[in-house]
């Protein structure tokens, strides 16, 4: 089977467990509640400033200007500290996982060998992040090529092939990004196997993390959703996306894997 050239940095079982189970609970994205409170404070400060200017009242104008400066400064400090704290928590958890991996005994000599593997029924795929060009490989954890991804020059079509370079599916852009905050990612995608449309993907704007609704029509109707990099099928967690080692990973239950999930995976940036 085809393999990528050069050394392969495998994801250890400890790192995988941290990325799948621990980090989603340690890293806290922005919430609408926090943003609503901050926006309300900003509007109140702006209203006082506008009133002071319109009514030519020095006290109100000075109070409004001071409040605006304080709210903006508070926002910068709060959001910076929140991002820094998330990064510290992430690095701390991954450093602990690497330490466990380096100090682990041989499985045959360890009590951990008797613990059931929580990922026994999972599929693990990875791809480089960011994509190195218009053609790249999706591999398993050992570096064996599972899929090739070819991106059309217009960046509106992704062709996914198997390791023997046989076409499997196409992902097509149906609508461009609907918001600046979506960072250029398409708002709507369609996934085709041959001439048959098998799924539609609709991304939604979110302050915290990518969100998407995935409506699959073939081989049978089923709905998925993406919330905070977690994949749900009919409301049940079945997989996650996560970033580590300059790669994006798809870690999903094998029986829940669908062409639409693969299509979303190759378009994430």
Protein backbone atom coordinates (compact mmCIF):
# COMPACT_ATOMS: atom_id res chain seq x y z
CA UNK A 1 0.00 0.00 0.00
CA UNK A 2 1.12 3.57 -0.67
CA UNK A 3 2.82 5.43 2.17
CA UNK A 4 3.88 9.04 2.60
CA UNK A 5 7.59 9.83 2.29
CA UNK A 6 9.67 10.77 5.31
CA UNK A 7 9.28 10.07 9.02
CA UNK A 8 5.78 9.69 10.44
CA UNK A 9 4.96 11.22 13.81
CA UNK A 10 2.41 8.78 15.17
CA UNK A 11 -0.30 9.92 17.51
CA UNK A 12 0.17 7.99 20.76
CA UNK A 13 -2.78 6.39 22.52
CA UNK A 14 -2.30 8.82 25.41
CA UNK A 15 -2.37 11.86 23.08
CA UNK A 16 -5.40 10.44 21.32
CA UNK A 17 -7.28 9.96 24.58
CA UNK A 18 -6.44 13.51 25.69
CA UNK A 19 -7.53 15.01 22.36
CA UNK A 20 -10.77 13.01 22.25
CA UNK A 21 -11.88 12.99 25.88
CA UNK A 22 -9.96 15.62 27.87
CA UNK A 23 -9.40 18.72 25.72
CA UNK A 24 -13.09 19.25 24.87
CA UNK A 25 -13.72 19.61 28.62
CA UNK A 26 -10.63 21.73 29.38
CA UNK A 27 -10.78 24.24 26.53
CA UNK A 28 -13.67 26.68 26.80
CA UNK A 29 -14.63 28.70 23.71
CA UNK A 30 -16.36 32.05 23.75
CA UNK A 31 -20.01 31.87 24.71
CA UNK A 32 -22.93 33.95 23.51
CA UNK A 33 -23.63 34.91 27.14
CA UNK A 34 -20.18 36.42 27.59
CA UNK A 35 -20.37 38.22 24.24
CA UNK A 36 -23.87 39.52 25.06
CA UNK A 37 -22.72 41.01 28.38
CA UNK A 38 -19.66 42.59 26.75
CA UNK A 39 -21.74 44.02 23.88
CA UNK A 40 -24.29 45.44 26.31
CA UNK A 41 -21.55 47.19 28.31
CA UNK A 42 -20.07 48.55 25.09
CA UNK A 43 -23.41 49.93 23.90
CA UNK A 44 -24.13 51.54 27.27
CA UNK A 45 -20.74 53.26 27.27
CA UNK A 46 -21.27 54.40 23.68
CA UNK A 47 -24.75 55.71 24.52
CA UNK A 48 -23.39 57.84 27.38
CA UNK A 49 -20.66 59.21 25.11
CA UNK A 50 -23.11 60.04 22.31
CA UNK A 51 -25.48 61.71 24.77
CA UNK A 52 -22.65 63.81 26.20
CA UNK A 53 -21.55 64.94 22.74
CA UNK A 54 -25.11 65.63 21.51
CA UNK A 55 -26.15 67.51 24.67
CA UNK A 56 -22.78 69.25 25.00
CA UNK A 57 -22.39 67.98 28.56
CA UNK A 58 -18.77 67.65 29.54
CA UNK A 59 -19.44 65.34 32.47
CA UNK A 60 -21.40 62.82 30.38
CA UNK A 61 -18.91 63.06 27.51
CA UNK A 62 -15.95 62.42 29.81
CA UNK A 63 -17.77 59.61 31.60
CA UNK A 64 -18.72 58.01 28.28
CA UNK A 65 -15.17 58.25 26.93
CA UNK A 66 -13.74 56.77 30.12
CA UNK A 67 -16.33 53.97 30.11
CA UNK A 68 -15.61 53.14 26.47
CA UNK A 69 -11.88 52.96 27.15
CA UNK A 70 -12.47 50.80 30.22
CA UNK A 71 -14.84 48.40 28.42
CA UNK A 72 -12.53 48.03 25.41
CA UNK A 73 -9.54 47.47 27.66
CA UNK A 74 -11.47 44.97 29.76
CA UNK A 75 -12.47 43.10 26.59
CA UNK A 76 -8.91 42.90 25.31
CA UNK A 77 -7.63 41.65 28.64
CA UNK A 78 -10.48 39.18 29.17
CA UNK A 79 -10.40 37.62 25.71
CA UNK A 80 -6.58 37.49 25.64
CA UNK A 81 -6.41 35.83 29.04
CA UNK A 82 -9.15 33.38 28.03
CA UNK A 83 -7.26 32.39 24.88
CA UNK A 84 -3.99 32.14 26.82
CA UNK A 85 -5.59 30.00 29.51
CA UNK A 86 -7.04 27.65 26.90
CA UNK A 87 -3.65 27.29 25.23
CA UNK A 88 -1.93 26.64 28.57
CA UNK A 89 -4.51 23.99 29.46
CA UNK A 90 -4.09 22.37 26.04
CA UNK A 91 -0.29 22.29 26.24
CA UNK A 92 -0.36 21.04 29.83
CA UNK A 93 -2.68 18.17 28.93
CA UNK A 94 -0.66 17.17 25.85
CA UNK A 95 2.63 17.42 27.74
CA UNK A 96 1.20 15.07 30.35
CA UNK A 97 0.15 12.64 27.63
CA UNK A 98 3.63 12.69 26.08
CA UNK A 99 5.18 12.10 29.49
CA UNK A 100 2.92 9.11 30.08
CA UNK A 101 3.77 7.72 26.64
CA UNK A 102 7.52 8.07 27.21
CA UNK A 103 7.37 6.44 30.63
CA UNK A 104 4.91 3.68 29.76
CA UNK A 105 5.93 0.07 30.14
CA UNK A 106 5.53 -2.56 27.47
CA UNK A 107 1.83 -3.44 27.08
CA UNK A 108 2.47 -7.07 27.94
CA UNK A 109 3.93 -6.05 31.30
CA UNK A 110 1.34 -3.41 32.14
CA UNK A 111 -2.00 -3.65 33.89
CA UNK A 112 -3.27 -1.24 31.24
CA UNK A 113 -3.17 -4.13 28.77
CA UNK A 114 -6.26 -5.53 30.50
CA UNK A 115 -8.25 -2.31 29.94
CA UNK A 116 -10.50 -2.40 26.85
CA UNK A 117 -9.35 -0.13 24.03
CA UNK A 118 -11.87 2.77 23.82
CA UNK A 119 -10.87 3.32 20.19
CA UNK A 120 -11.18 -0.29 19.03
CA UNK A 121 -14.21 0.53 16.92
CA UNK A 122 -12.89 3.85 15.62
CA UNK A 123 -11.44 5.03 12.33
CA UNK A 124 -8.54 7.50 12.57
CA UNK A 125 -7.59 9.65 9.57
CA UNK A 126 -5.21 12.56 9.35
CA UNK A 127 -4.29 15.19 6.80
CA UNK A 128 -1.73 18.00 6.79
CA UNK A 129 -2.83 21.36 8.16
CA UNK A 130 -2.73 23.62 6.32
CA UNK A 131 -3.02 21.69 3.08
CA UNK A 132 0.39 21.76 1.34
CA UNK A 133 -1.05 22.31 -2.15
CA UNK A 134 -3.66 21.16 -4.63
CA UNK A 135 -2.88 17.46 -4.05
CA UNK A 136 -2.29 15.78 -0.71
CA UNK A 137 -2.87 12.50 1.08
CA UNK A 138 -5.09 11.47 3.97
CA UNK A 139 -3.36 8.70 5.91
CA UNK A 140 -3.91 6.45 8.87
CA UNK A 141 -1.82 6.79 12.03
CA UNK A 142 1.03 4.75 10.54
CA UNK A 143 1.37 6.94 7.45
CA UNK A 144 -0.37 4.53 5.05
CA UNK A 145 -2.31 6.44 2.40
CA UNK A 146 -6.05 5.90 2.61
CA UNK A 147 -7.23 8.73 0.34
CA UNK A 148 -5.80 11.27 -2.07
CA UNK A 149 -7.41 14.70 -2.20
CA UNK A 150 -7.21 16.84 -5.33
CA UNK A 151 -8.38 20.46 -5.10
CA UNK A 152 -9.53 22.20 -8.27
CA UNK A 153 -7.77 25.52 -9.09
CA UNK A 154 -10.96 27.48 -8.40
CA UNK A 155 -11.02 25.98 -4.86
CA UNK A 156 -14.67 25.06 -5.33
CA UNK A 157 -14.32 21.32 -5.94
CA UNK A 158 -12.48 18.61 -3.99
CA UNK A 159 -11.98 15.22 -5.66
CA UNK A 160 -11.34 12.38 -3.23
CA UNK A 161 -9.70 9.19 -4.51
CA UNK A 162 -8.72 5.95 -2.83
CA UNK A 163 -5.14 4.74 -2.49
CA UNK A 164 -5.31 3.28 -6.01
CA UNK A 165 -6.33 6.76 -7.29
CA UNK A 166 -9.87 5.68 -8.18
CA UNK A 167 -12.43 8.48 -7.86
CA UNK A 168 -14.74 8.03 -4.87
CA UNK A 169 -16.55 11.26 -4.13
CA UNK A 170 -16.60 14.93 -5.06
CA UNK A 171 -17.31 17.86 -2.77
CA UNK A 172 -18.66 20.99 -4.47
CA UNK A 173 -19.19 24.50 -3.15
CA UNK A 174 -22.83 25.54 -3.46
CA UNK A 175 -22.55 28.87 -1.61
CA UNK A 176 -19.49 30.88 -0.52
CA UNK A 177 -18.81 32.04 3.02
CA UNK A 178 -21.75 34.09 4.28
CA UNK A 179 -19.78 35.89 6.98
CA UNK A 180 -16.31 37.34 7.44
CA UNK A 181 -16.05 35.29 10.65
CA UNK A 182 -16.35 32.01 8.72
CA UNK A 183 -12.75 32.62 7.58
CA UNK A 184 -13.46 31.96 3.92
CA UNK A 185 -14.96 28.50 4.44
CA UNK A 186 -17.95 27.78 2.16
CA UNK A 187 -21.40 28.18 3.70
CA UNK A 188 -22.93 25.25 1.78
CA UNK A 189 -21.42 22.13 0.22
CA UNK A 190 -22.77 19.17 -1.72
CA UNK A 191 -21.20 15.71 -1.67
CA UNK A 192 -21.51 13.46 -4.75
CA UNK A 193 -20.67 9.83 -5.36
CA UNK A 194 -20.62 9.58 -9.12
CA UNK A 195 -23.66 11.48 -10.37
CA UNK A 196 -25.65 10.92 -7.16
CA UNK A 197 -25.84 13.58 -4.49
CA UNK A 198 -25.37 11.77 -1.19
CA UNK A 199 -25.32 14.67 1.27
CA UNK A 200 -25.56 18.40 1.82
CA UNK A 201 -23.52 20.35 4.35
CA UNK A 202 -24.57 23.75 5.71
CA UNK A 203 -22.17 25.70 7.89
CA UNK A 204 -23.49 28.16 10.45
CA UNK A 205 -21.76 31.21 11.90
CA UNK A 206 -20.46 30.65 15.42
CA UNK A 207 -18.33 32.79 17.73
CA UNK A 208 -16.89 29.75 19.45
CA UNK A 209 -16.05 27.06 16.89
CA UNK A 210 -17.16 25.54 13.58
CA UNK A 211 -20.77 24.44 13.40
CA UNK A 212 -22.45 22.56 10.58
CA UNK A 213 -25.57 20.60 9.76
CA UNK A 214 -25.04 17.52 7.59
CA UNK A 215 -28.06 16.03 5.85
CA UNK A 216 -27.34 12.65 4.23
CA UNK A 217 -29.74 11.14 1.69
CA UNK A 218 -27.80 8.07 0.51
CA UNK A 219 -27.41 5.17 1.15
CA UNK A 220 -30.07 6.00 3.77
CA UNK A 221 -31.34 9.26 5.28
CA UNK A 222 -29.42 10.28 8.41
CA UNK A 223 -28.54 13.60 10.03
CA UNK A 224 -25.22 14.65 11.54
CA UNK A 225 -24.18 17.87 13.23
CA UNK A 226 -20.83 19.43 14.04
CA UNK A 227 -20.63 21.37 17.32
CA UNK A 228 -17.32 22.52 18.80
CA UNK A 229 -15.40 20.04 16.60
CA UNK A 230 -17.57 17.18 17.89
CA UNK A 231 -19.59 15.07 15.46
CA UNK A 232 -23.08 13.99 16.47
CA UNK A 233 -25.40 11.58 14.70
CA UNK A 234 -29.03 11.99 15.65
CA UNK A 235 -27.85 13.71 18.84
CA UNK A 236 -25.28 11.06 19.87
CA UNK A 237 -21.53 11.74 19.92
CA UNK A 238 -19.80 9.57 17.30
CA UNK A 239 -16.51 11.35 16.60
CA UNK A 240 -14.35 14.43 16.82
CA UNK A 241 -11.97 16.58 14.77
CA UNK A 242 -8.79 17.75 16.52
CA UNK A 243 -5.47 19.37 15.65
CA UNK A 244 -2.04 18.18 16.79
CA UNK A 245 1.41 17.68 15.21
CA UNK A 246 0.51 20.16 12.41
CA UNK A 247 -2.20 17.77 11.30
CA UNK A 248 -5.98 17.64 11.40
CA UNK A 249 -7.40 14.34 12.65
CA UNK A 250 -10.78 12.73 12.11
CA UNK A 251 -11.51 10.24 14.90
CA UNK A 252 -14.90 8.59 14.37
CA UNK A 253 -16.76 5.36 15.05
CA UNK A 254 -16.38 3.14 12.00
CA UNK A 255 -20.08 2.35 11.73
CA UNK A 256 -20.86 6.10 11.78
CA UNK A 257 -18.41 7.02 9.01
CA UNK A 258 -20.07 8.54 5.94
CA UNK A 259 -18.95 10.16 2.70
CA UNK A 260 -20.29 13.48 4.03
CA UNK A 261 -17.98 13.35 7.06
CA UNK A 262 -15.02 12.66 4.81
CA UNK A 263 -16.10 15.53 2.56
CA UNK A 264 -16.30 17.93 5.50
CA UNK A 265 -12.93 16.72 6.79
CA UNK A 266 -11.04 17.62 3.60
CA UNK A 267 -12.61 21.11 3.40
CA UNK A 268 -11.82 22.21 6.97
CA UNK A 269 -9.01 24.73 7.32
